[in-house]
Structure formats: structure tokens, C-alpha cells
Protein backbone atom coordinates (compact mmCIF):
# COMPACT_ATOMS: atom_id res chain seq x y z
CA MET A 1 12.62 126.86 56.91
CA GLU A 2 13.52 130.41 57.95
CA PRO A 3 11.28 131.89 60.67
CA GLN A 4 8.77 134.39 59.27
CA ASN A 5 8.75 136.64 62.36
CA ILE A 6 12.44 137.64 62.31
CA ARG A 7 14.47 139.41 59.66
CA PHE A 8 17.92 140.98 59.82
CA GLY A 9 19.29 143.73 57.66
CA GLY A 10 15.89 145.36 57.22
CA GLY A 11 14.23 148.15 59.14
CA ALA A 12 14.08 151.82 58.26
CA ALA A 13 16.26 152.82 55.34
CA GLU A 14 16.50 156.38 56.65
CA SER A 15 16.07 158.26 59.90
CA SER A 16 12.56 158.51 61.27
CA LEU A 17 12.56 161.30 63.83
CA HIS A 18 9.67 163.65 64.55
CA PRO A 19 10.80 167.28 65.04
CA ILE A 20 9.27 167.45 68.53
CA ILE A 21 11.09 164.25 69.52
CA ALA A 22 14.34 165.58 68.06
CA ILE A 23 14.09 168.78 70.12
CA TRP A 24 13.21 166.84 73.28
CA MET A 25 16.13 164.45 72.68
CA ILE A 26 18.60 167.33 72.27
CA ILE A 27 17.33 169.01 75.46
CA ALA A 28 17.65 165.73 77.38
CA ILE A 29 21.21 165.15 76.14
CA LEU A 30 22.23 168.68 77.11
CA LEU A 31 20.78 168.18 80.59
CA ILE A 32 22.58 164.85 80.90
CA TRP A 33 25.93 166.58 80.33
CA VAL A 34 25.25 169.82 82.20
CA LEU A 35 23.42 168.75 85.38
CA PRO A 36 25.24 167.37 88.45
CA ARG A 37 25.51 163.60 88.42
CA ASP A 38 22.91 163.07 91.15
CA LYS A 39 20.27 164.96 89.12
CA VAL A 40 20.89 163.40 85.68
CA ILE A 41 18.55 160.48 86.43
CA ALA A 42 15.52 162.82 86.13
CA PRO A 43 15.90 164.01 82.49
CA PHE A 44 17.22 160.59 81.42
CA LEU A 45 14.22 158.61 82.69
CA LEU A 46 11.70 161.28 81.75
CA ALA A 47 12.94 161.30 78.15
CA PHE A 48 13.34 157.51 78.01
CA PHE A 49 9.70 156.91 78.96
CA THR A 50 8.08 159.68 76.94
CA ILE A 51 9.78 158.98 73.59
CA PRO A 52 8.34 156.16 71.41
CA ALA A 53 10.76 153.27 70.89
CA GLY A 54 10.34 153.43 67.12
CA GLU A 55 12.01 156.83 66.73
CA VAL A 56 15.35 156.05 65.08
CA VAL A 57 18.39 157.73 63.58
CA VAL A 58 20.12 155.78 60.77
CA ILE A 59 23.87 156.42 60.44
CA GLY A 60 25.86 154.44 57.87
CA GLY A 61 23.17 151.78 57.71
CA LEU A 62 23.22 151.34 61.52
CA HIS A 63 20.05 151.99 63.48
CA PHE A 64 20.27 154.10 66.62
CA THR A 65 16.96 154.45 68.39
CA VAL A 66 16.55 157.63 70.42
CA LEU A 67 16.48 155.45 73.54
CA ARG A 68 19.86 153.99 72.58
CA ILE A 69 21.24 157.47 71.93
CA LEU A 70 20.18 158.51 75.43
CA ILE A 71 21.99 155.50 76.91
CA LEU A 72 25.13 156.27 74.91
CA SER A 73 25.00 159.89 76.10
CA VAL A 74 25.01 158.87 79.75
CA LEU A 75 27.72 156.26 79.08
CA GLY A 76 29.83 159.08 77.65
CA ARG A 77 29.22 161.12 80.79
CA MET A 78 30.12 158.07 82.91
CA ILE A 79 33.40 157.48 81.06
CA PHE A 80 34.31 161.15 81.46
CA SER A 81 33.55 161.03 85.20
CA THR A 82 35.38 157.72 85.67
CA ALA A 83 38.55 159.24 84.22
CA SER A 84 38.57 161.82 87.01
CA SER A 85 37.45 159.57 89.90
CA PRO A 86 37.36 155.85 88.95
CA SER A 87 36.66 154.70 92.53
CA LYS A 88 33.25 156.41 92.58
CA THR A 89 31.73 154.95 89.42
CA PHE A 90 29.41 152.48 91.18
CA VAL A 91 28.37 152.88 94.79
CA GLY A 92 29.60 149.89 96.79
CA GLY A 93 31.82 148.71 93.94
CA PHE A 94 31.04 146.06 91.34
CA ASN A 95 28.78 143.72 93.32
CA ARG A 96 27.23 140.27 92.75
CA ILE A 97 24.18 141.65 90.94
CA ASP A 98 26.43 143.63 88.59
CA GLN A 99 28.45 140.50 87.81
CA ALA A 100 25.30 138.51 86.99
CA VAL A 101 23.96 141.27 84.70
CA LEU A 102 27.32 141.48 82.88
CA LEU A 103 27.44 137.72 82.28
CA TRP A 104 23.77 137.59 81.26
CA ALA A 105 24.11 140.40 78.70
CA LEU A 106 27.28 138.92 77.20
CA SER A 107 25.79 135.42 77.10
CA ALA A 108 22.65 136.67 75.32
CA ALA A 109 24.69 138.56 72.70
CA VAL A 110 27.20 135.78 72.01
CA ILE A 111 24.73 132.89 71.89
CA PHE A 112 22.27 134.79 69.69
CA SER A 113 25.09 135.55 67.24
CA LEU A 114 26.18 131.90 67.23
CA GLN A 115 22.60 130.78 66.71
CA TRP A 116 22.16 132.82 63.53
CA ARG A 117 25.78 133.01 62.30
CA GLU A 118 25.09 136.12 60.23
CA SER A 119 26.87 139.46 60.27
CA GLN A 120 23.53 141.27 60.61
CA ALA A 121 22.70 139.18 63.67
CA VAL A 122 26.02 140.23 65.24
CA ILE A 123 25.18 143.89 64.60
CA TYR A 124 21.76 143.31 66.12
CA SER A 125 23.35 141.68 69.18
CA VAL A 126 25.72 144.62 69.66
CA GLY A 127 22.73 146.96 69.62
CA ASP A 128 20.95 144.80 72.20
CA LEU A 129 24.13 144.78 74.30
CA ILE A 130 24.09 148.59 74.38
CA ASP A 131 20.45 148.53 75.46
CA THR A 132 20.92 145.89 78.17
CA LEU A 133 24.41 146.14 79.63
CA GLY A 134 24.74 149.83 78.72
CA GLY A 135 21.33 150.61 80.18
CA TYR A 136 22.14 148.82 83.42
CA LEU A 137 25.55 150.49 83.84
CA VAL A 138 23.91 153.87 83.25
CA VAL A 139 21.43 153.58 86.12
CA ARG A 140 24.01 152.00 88.43
CA PHE A 141 26.18 155.04 87.79
CA LEU A 142 23.36 157.53 88.37
CA ILE A 143 21.70 155.95 91.44
CA SER A 144 24.25 156.22 94.22
CA ASP A 145 22.47 157.14 97.48
CA MET A 146 19.08 157.60 99.15
CA ASP A 147 18.57 161.03 97.60
CA ALA A 148 19.08 159.55 94.13
CA ILE A 149 16.67 156.70 94.95
CA ARG A 150 14.06 159.17 96.17
CA ARG A 151 14.52 161.30 93.05
CA THR A 152 14.21 158.20 90.82
CA VAL A 153 10.90 157.18 92.39
CA LYS A 154 9.57 160.74 92.06
CA VAL A 155 10.43 160.80 88.37
CA PHE A 156 8.65 157.48 87.86
CA ALA A 157 5.61 158.95 89.65
CA LEU A 158 5.62 161.90 87.26
CA ILE A 159 5.97 159.54 84.27
CA CYS A 160 2.97 157.49 85.47
CA LEU A 161 0.92 160.65 85.92
CA ILE A 162 1.70 161.80 82.37
CA GLN A 163 1.05 158.37 80.87
CA GLY A 164 -2.11 157.85 82.93
CA VAL A 165 -3.65 161.13 81.80
CA CYS A 166 -2.75 160.46 78.17
CA MET A 167 -4.15 156.93 78.29
CA ILE A 168 -7.45 158.17 79.77
CA GLN A 169 -7.67 160.69 76.95
CA GLU A 170 -6.88 157.91 74.47
CA HIS A 171 -9.61 155.69 75.91
CA PHE A 172 -12.34 158.25 75.28
CA THR A 173 -11.09 159.73 72.00
CA ARG A 174 -9.58 156.50 70.62
CA GLU A 175 -6.59 158.54 69.47
CA ASN A 176 -3.14 158.05 71.00
CA LEU A 177 -1.37 161.38 71.32
CA PHE A 178 1.99 159.59 71.13
CA ALA A 179 0.98 158.11 67.75
CA LEU A 180 1.29 161.64 66.38
CA VAL A 181 5.04 161.54 67.13
CA GLY A 182 5.81 157.95 66.11
CA GLY A 183 3.94 155.97 68.76
CA ILE A 184 1.49 153.06 68.48
CA PRO A 185 -2.12 153.60 67.30
CA THR A 186 -4.95 152.74 69.68
CA ALA A 187 -5.93 149.06 69.72
CA ILE A 188 -9.39 147.53 70.19
CA ARG A 189 -9.88 143.89 71.18
CA ASP A 190 -13.31 142.30 71.59
CA GLY A 191 -14.88 145.76 71.72
CA ARG A 192 -12.53 146.96 74.47
CA VAL A 193 -10.28 149.95 73.91
CA ARG A 194 -6.70 149.12 74.86
CA SER A 195 -4.91 152.42 75.41
CA GLN A 196 -1.31 152.23 74.24
CA GLY A 197 0.39 155.36 75.58
CA VAL A 198 4.08 155.43 74.72
CA LEU A 199 4.82 151.91 75.98
CA GLY A 200 2.04 149.81 74.45
CA CYS A 201 -0.99 148.58 76.39
CA ILE A 202 0.48 145.54 78.16
CA ASN A 203 3.88 147.11 78.75
CA ALA A 204 2.23 150.21 80.21
CA GLY A 205 0.08 148.19 82.59
CA VAL A 206 3.00 146.08 83.77
CA PHE A 207 5.17 149.19 84.14
CA ALA A 208 2.54 150.74 86.41
CA GLY A 209 1.91 147.58 88.42
CA ILE A 210 5.60 147.03 89.22
CA LEU A 211 5.95 150.61 90.49
CA MET A 212 3.01 150.41 92.91
CA PRO A 213 5.09 149.23 95.93
CA VAL A 214 7.67 152.02 95.65
CA PHE A 215 4.88 154.60 95.38
CA VAL A 216 3.38 153.14 98.57
CA TRP A 217 6.78 153.59 100.23
CA LEU A 218 7.08 157.15 98.92
CA ARG A 219 3.82 157.97 100.69
CA SER A 220 5.61 157.38 104.01
CA GLU A 221 8.07 160.16 103.09
CA ARG A 222 6.38 163.29 104.42
CA LYS A 223 7.88 165.70 101.86
CA SER A 224 7.15 163.36 98.94
CA ARG A 225 3.53 162.41 99.51
CA LEU A 226 2.19 164.49 96.63
CA TYR A 227 4.45 162.57 94.24
CA ALA A 228 3.26 159.30 95.79
CA TYR A 229 -0.39 160.19 95.16
CA TRP A 230 0.42 161.27 91.62
CA GLY A 231 2.21 157.97 91.02
CA ILE A 232 -0.55 155.78 92.47
CA ALA A 233 -3.32 157.60 90.59
CA GLY A 234 -1.40 157.58 87.31
CA ALA A 235 -0.40 153.93 87.69
CA MET A 236 -3.98 152.80 88.37
CA ALA A 237 -5.17 154.75 85.34
CA MET A 238 -2.54 153.01 83.19
CA VAL A 239 -3.60 149.58 84.46
CA VAL A 240 -7.32 150.16 83.93
CA MET A 241 -6.95 151.81 80.52
CA SER A 242 -4.65 149.05 79.23
CA SER A 243 -7.51 146.50 79.51
CA ALA A 244 -5.01 143.62 79.81
CA SER A 245 -4.98 140.67 82.20
CA THR A 246 -1.19 140.89 82.54
CA SER A 247 -1.56 144.45 83.86
CA TRP A 248 -3.87 143.29 86.64
CA LEU A 249 -1.59 140.34 87.27
CA ALA A 250 1.21 142.86 87.91
CA VAL A 251 -0.98 144.72 90.41
CA ALA A 252 -1.81 141.42 92.12
CA GLY A 253 1.91 140.63 92.34
CA SER A 254 2.62 143.99 93.98
CA VAL A 255 -0.23 143.59 96.47
CA ALA A 256 0.91 140.06 97.33
CA GLY A 257 4.49 141.26 97.82
CA LEU A 258 3.41 144.02 100.19
CA ALA A 259 1.03 141.68 102.06
CA PHE A 260 3.91 139.34 102.91
CA TRP A 261 5.43 142.17 104.98
CA PHE A 262 3.68 140.77 108.05
CA LEU A 263 5.34 137.39 107.43
CA ARG A 264 8.76 138.77 106.46
CA LYS A 265 10.56 136.72 109.09
CA GLN A 266 8.99 133.47 107.89
CA MET A 267 9.78 133.81 104.17
CA ARG A 268 11.94 130.68 104.05
CA MET A 269 9.02 128.59 105.26
CA ILE A 270 6.65 130.33 102.81
CA ARG A 271 8.97 129.68 99.85
CA TRP A 272 9.20 125.99 100.65
CA SER A 273 5.43 125.83 101.20
CA ILE A 274 4.79 127.32 97.75
CA LEU A 275 7.20 124.83 96.18
CA LEU A 276 5.49 121.93 97.99
CA LEU A 277 2.08 123.20 96.84
CA LEU A 278 3.23 123.27 93.21
CA VAL A 279 4.56 119.72 93.52
CA LEU A 280 1.27 118.50 95.00
CA LEU A 281 -0.72 120.24 92.27
CA GLN A 282 1.48 118.59 89.65
CA MET A 283 0.67 115.22 91.20
CA VAL A 284 -3.11 115.67 91.36
CA MET A 285 -3.85 117.77 88.26
CA LYS A 286 -4.69 116.10 84.97
CA ALA A 287 -2.73 118.78 83.10
CA PRO A 288 0.76 120.03 84.04
CA VAL A 289 0.85 122.66 86.79
CA TRP A 290 1.81 125.39 84.33
CA ALA A 291 -1.58 124.88 82.67
CA LEU A 292 -2.88 127.19 85.42
CA ILE A 293 -1.60 130.02 83.22
CA ALA A 294 -4.44 129.27 80.79
CA ARG A 295 -6.97 129.94 83.56
CA ILE A 296 -5.89 133.56 83.97
CA ASP A 297 -8.40 135.87 82.28
CA LEU A 298 -9.09 139.06 84.22
CA THR A 299 -10.53 141.11 81.35
CA GLY A 300 -12.58 138.61 79.32
CA SER A 301 -10.26 138.89 76.32
CA SER A 302 -7.06 137.32 77.60
CA SER A 303 -4.73 135.05 75.61
CA GLY A 304 -3.88 132.89 78.62
CA TYR A 305 -4.15 129.65 76.63
CA GLN A 306 -1.51 130.87 74.17
CA ARG A 307 0.76 131.75 77.13
CA TYR A 308 0.27 128.23 78.51
CA MET A 309 1.01 126.57 75.18
CA LEU A 310 4.14 128.68 74.78
CA VAL A 311 5.53 127.42 78.10
CA ASP A 312 4.37 123.87 77.43
CA MET A 313 5.97 123.67 73.97
CA THR A 314 9.20 125.21 75.26
CA ILE A 315 9.45 122.54 77.96
CA ARG A 316 8.63 119.76 75.52
CA HIS A 317 11.28 121.00 73.04
CA PHE A 318 14.03 121.42 75.64
CA ALA A 319 16.48 119.42 73.52
CA ASP A 320 16.08 121.90 70.66
CA TRP A 321 16.97 125.10 72.52
CA TRP A 322 19.09 124.32 75.59
CA LEU A 323 22.49 124.90 73.94
CA LEU A 324 22.16 127.81 71.50
CA GLY A 325 18.47 128.64 71.61
CA TYR A 326 16.11 127.82 68.74
CA ARG A 327 15.13 129.74 65.61
CA ASP A 328 12.12 127.80 64.31
CA TYR A 329 9.82 127.98 67.34
CA ALA A 330 7.08 129.57 65.19
CA SER A 331 6.56 126.11 63.65
CA TRP A 332 5.50 124.64 67.02
CA GLY A 333 1.90 125.71 66.55
CA TRP A 334 -0.57 128.55 66.15
CA ASP A 335 0.70 131.92 67.39
CA MET A 336 3.89 130.40 68.80
CA TRP A 337 5.92 133.20 67.20
CA ASP A 338 4.56 135.54 69.89
CA THR A 339 7.03 134.90 72.75
CA TYR A 340 5.22 136.98 75.35
CA ASN A 341 6.96 135.30 78.27
CA GLN A 342 10.32 136.66 79.40
CA PHE A 343 11.69 133.28 80.47
CA VAL A 344 10.63 131.59 77.24
CA ALA A 345 12.02 134.45 75.14
CA LEU A 346 15.40 134.21 76.88
CA ALA A 347 15.49 130.44 76.48
CA LEU A 348 14.73 130.55 72.76
CA THR A 349 17.13 133.37 71.91
CA GLY A 350 19.93 132.64 74.39
CA GLY A 351 19.69 129.02 75.46
CA LEU A 352 19.77 127.54 78.94
CA LEU A 353 22.84 129.52 80.05
CA THR A 354 21.24 132.91 79.36
CA LEU A 355 18.03 131.81 81.10
CA ILE A 356 19.93 130.64 84.19
CA LEU A 357 21.93 133.89 84.35
CA PHE A 358 18.73 135.97 84.20
CA ILE A 359 17.23 133.92 87.03
CA THR A 360 20.52 134.45 88.92
CA ILE A 361 20.06 138.22 88.59
CA LEU A 362 16.62 137.97 90.18
CA LYS A 363 17.85 135.57 92.84
CA ARG A 364 20.70 137.86 93.85
CA GLY A 365 18.32 140.82 93.91
CA PHE A 366 16.08 139.00 96.39
CA SER A 367 19.17 137.93 98.34
CA PHE A 368 20.27 141.57 98.68
CA VAL A 369 16.78 142.51 99.89
CA GLY A 370 16.73 139.74 102.52
CA GLU A 371 20.25 140.39 103.77
CA THR A 372 19.65 144.13 103.99
CA ARG A 373 16.37 143.69 105.85
CA LYS A 374 18.07 141.54 108.48
CA ARG A 375 20.97 143.99 108.78
CA LEU A 376 18.61 146.90 109.45
CA GLY A 377 17.42 145.26 112.64
CA ASP A 378 14.94 147.50 114.48
CA ASP A 379 14.93 150.32 111.92
CA ARG A 380 11.35 149.68 110.83
CA ALA A 381 11.15 152.59 108.38
CA GLN A 382 14.21 151.47 106.41
CA GLU A 383 13.09 147.84 106.65
CA TRP A 384 9.78 148.82 105.05
CA PHE A 385 11.63 150.70 102.31
CA ILE A 386 13.79 147.73 101.30
CA TRP A 387 10.72 145.46 101.48
CA CYS A 388 8.86 147.70 99.02
CA LEU A 389 11.80 147.42 96.61
CA GLY A 390 11.67 143.64 97.01
CA SER A 391 7.91 143.68 96.34
CA GLY A 392 8.54 145.51 93.08
CA LEU A 393 11.11 142.86 92.14
CA PHE A 394 8.61 140.09 93.04
CA CYS A 395 6.05 141.77 90.79
CA THR A 396 8.65 141.76 88.00
CA VAL A 397 8.93 137.98 88.29
CA VAL A 398 5.15 137.52 88.27
CA SER A 399 4.74 139.79 85.24
CA ALA A 400 7.53 138.02 83.35
CA PHE A 401 5.18 135.06 82.77
CA GLY A 402 2.94 137.24 80.62
CA ILE A 403 5.27 139.64 78.87
CA ASN A 404 8.61 139.87 77.09
CA TYR A 405 10.79 142.60 78.61
CA MET A 406 11.72 144.92 75.77
CA ALA A 407 14.17 147.84 76.15
CA GLN A 408 11.81 150.16 78.01
CA LEU A 409 10.66 147.55 80.53
CA LEU A 410 14.26 146.46 81.13
CA MET A 411 14.95 150.11 81.93
CA LEU A 412 12.40 149.70 84.73
CA LEU A 413 13.99 146.50 86.05
CA PHE A 414 17.50 147.99 85.99
CA PRO A 415 16.73 151.05 88.17
CA LEU A 416 14.96 148.71 90.59
CA LEU A 417 18.11 146.59 90.87
CA ALA A 418 20.27 149.71 91.12
CA CYS A 419 18.11 151.02 93.96
CA ILE A 420 18.44 147.69 95.77
CA SER A 421 22.25 147.79 95.38
CA ALA A 422 22.45 151.39 96.62
CA ALA A 423 20.11 150.72 99.54
CA ALA A 424 22.08 147.62 100.52
CA PHE A 425 25.34 149.61 100.52
CA VAL A 426 23.83 152.44 102.58
CA ALA A 427 22.48 149.92 105.11
CA GLU A 428 25.84 148.13 105.29
CA GLU A 429 27.69 151.41 105.87
CA SER A 430 25.22 152.39 108.58
CA PHE A 431 25.56 148.96 110.20
CA HIS A 432 29.36 149.17 110.31
CA GLN A 433 29.24 152.72 111.70
CA GLU A 434 26.88 151.64 114.47
CA LEU A 435 29.07 148.63 115.20
CA HIS A 436 32.19 150.84 115.34
CA HIS A 437 30.41 153.34 117.58
CA ALA A 438 29.25 150.55 119.91
CA SER A 439 32.80 149.15 120.06
CA GLU A 440 34.19 152.57 120.95
CA GLU A 441 31.62 153.01 123.71
CA ALA A 442 32.34 149.54 125.09
CA PHE A 443 36.10 150.25 125.02
CA ALA A 444 35.58 153.61 126.76
CA GLN A 445 33.46 152.00 129.46
CA SER A 446 35.96 149.20 130.03
CA SER A 447 38.84 151.70 130.18
CA GLY A 448 36.94 153.83 132.70
CA SER A 449 36.22 150.80 134.86
CA ALA A 450 39.87 149.77 134.79
CA THR A 451 40.98 153.28 135.76
CA ARG A 452 38.64 153.41 138.71
CA ALA A 453 39.88 150.01 139.88
CA LEU A 454 43.54 151.11 140.11
CA PRO A 455 44.72 151.75 143.72
CA SER A 456 45.72 155.31 144.53
CA SER A 457 49.41 155.99 145.17
CA ALA A 458 50.67 156.44 148.72
């Protein structure tokens, strides 16, 4: 029986583009091509996170969302720049994180196409490939040094301020301003208003929660403190107004990540302790350890039990999806069509290989954070900076158990990974320069000592 929650070859028959969005898109594209490379990240992200995902341009039956058009615009700029200086496309070269993202995106596209074996599914996969691999390459190209990282975090702070203000307004008026230009109408669950903003209530809350650590870091930058306060205030407004447990779970993940700063040199022991605790809980609990997901209800209207059943049924049906994913998961039970778990969604659409590659991306991101922190040595300020990036990545993992990362949330994960790559390269360059400087000083001292030891001529 064909799943009822997925259809290919449908969608809008004609372009759906509000005039205001069209003007804003054109301005953003012009800025992408006109501004210097290190400043393009600002209009790109600002447009990406203020334009509803449903705004689409249909060309020859193919659907190009405005978000996809923005990605293609920067890819065009990247190709043009690469032709003139190919060695400077990605700072630090094509690293291990880049390789994992490339393999993950290709695996997801190929396996999904094989699973459905329809021409429309292939077209859909190509579109997803533009959003995922194209989106990642775009931010890797644009984020190349500390100035670009700082500018990226400032733009995210401004985005959170805009979204936070709009979601507060939506809470009291019950009218989403973004719904007037193609966004989502305000939702109400169990009498609670769930402000949607441009991202949707849960996505908005998770977006804000993941960014908390980098806003905390930005506060330590004297010239950027105003942006940090804007970001923190806007992010908290987004979390509160979303009225979703997953939003608060994201905040908890960020706080936990930052709290581990004091134990940063004992993280290996902590990781093994957490694993041992999960094993012990599995042994003593009557239900499987992942049943703890059902206990999470921070707003009084959570769907934690559905999240638990989704994980439980995926594990029980491993034989169905491990090779090429599985199409008929909606038949597993009530509400099973709603794959609001990133790991489950990847497993069902891309099989075990795609799931493993996504976990590899996260693992390599954490590896870069750990290696960079050790390399920084006594530079406490830079060590704190890389730790805040790692805390944001940790929050991403925590949030992934309650949400499926659509295009806009992936465009939050990708800049985070790009910032980690750029920061790791900057730290490595600084380390090698200090090592070279120390070697030169040692050589000079040894040469001076040898000169003084030579006997004078008669």
C-alpha cells in the first residue's frame, strides 16, 4: 500500500511568490554578487531565515524554492571565484568533515531514489542535494576566518531578535506576520498559543536554543556585546513563545554543553560514564532505555510518547529499513508518519549507510573541537570560543531526538560546522607559527652559545 504522507509529482502548479518576498530575494541576490566575499554571509543568512520556505518559483514543472535560489546564487558566485583562485575556495582545504558531508548527501540522494524507483523521486532527490550539499558548500565558501565567524554570529543574533519580536507579537495578536507573505498561520494546542514565526514553532525554538552558546561567546567580545544581548533576548523569546518541549530541550542541551566547560579535560571519562549509565538503566528498567523520551514533557502538551514509539518501532523494524530505507512506516501505528526525529528520518529515507554517515559528520565535528581545544593550550579565550561552538553542536544532537532537520535547520547546522572548520584551521596555523617562532629562537640561542664558546684567535 502506498504511503499516504508522501506524493511525488504534485506541489504548486505555478509560482507562488509574494511581491515583497520577490523584491527581498532580488535585493539579496544582488548583494550576494556585488559584496566582497567575506560580507556575503550577512545578506545570504538574513534572507534565508526571513523568507518562508513555501515561497516557490516553478520553471518547466520544476520547483525552485526561494531558499534554493539563494543557494544556487552563492554557488554561482563560488564557481566564478574558484575559476580565478581555486586554491582559496575552502579555508584549510577539503577536510574530513567536508568529506563526510559529501558522502552523506550523495548517499541520501541515491538511496532515496533507489527506494522509490520513480523519475519524480530522482528529481526530488536532486532538489534535496542542492539544499544539503549545495547549502553546506556555500557556507564553507563564505566562512573563511575569525572575522567571517564573528559576522555570522552577529547575523544570527539579528535574525533571533527579528524572529523573537515577531513571535511575541504573534503570541498576543494570534496573527503571524509572516503568514501574510506565505508563512505558517498561528497554531494553538491545548489552549496554548504556539507562535510560528518564519520557521515554525518547534523549528524556531530549536534554532534559538542551538545558538545560545555562540551568543554567550559573543558577549566576551567587547565590541560585539550589543549583538550578544540582542541574540540572547531574541532567542529566549523564540523559545518561550514556541511553547514546545523540544525548544526547552534545546536550551537544556546548550546549558549542559556550557556547564561541561569546567570538566573539559575529563570528557573521555564523562562519555564513558554516560554510556555505562545508559547500559545500567537498560538492565534495570522495565521498558527500554529510550522509553525515557516519553517522560519528557516540559510544556504540558508534549508528544513525547509518540517520539518514543517512533524510535521503538524503528529499532524493532531494523530489517525493513537498513538497506534502502522503508516507505511504509506510516503503517507501524498511530501517527507514525510524523518522523520528528532526525536519526529516524534519515534511517527511513536513506537506510543504515546514510544514518551512519550523518553520525560521522557529528563525530568529526566533535573531534575537530577536541583537537583544536588541546592545540590552543593556554589560550583560554580561544579555548572558550571553540568550546561554545562544540556546545552548539552538542545541542544539535540533543535536539535531533525531537525534530527532523528540514532545509532551514540544516542551514543552521552547516554554518556551525563551517565555523568549527575555520576555527580549527586558524588554531592550527597559529600553532605552527608559534612552533616555528620557538624553533627559530632556540636555534638563535644555540648559535649564540656556540659562538661565545669558540676560542679567540692568537
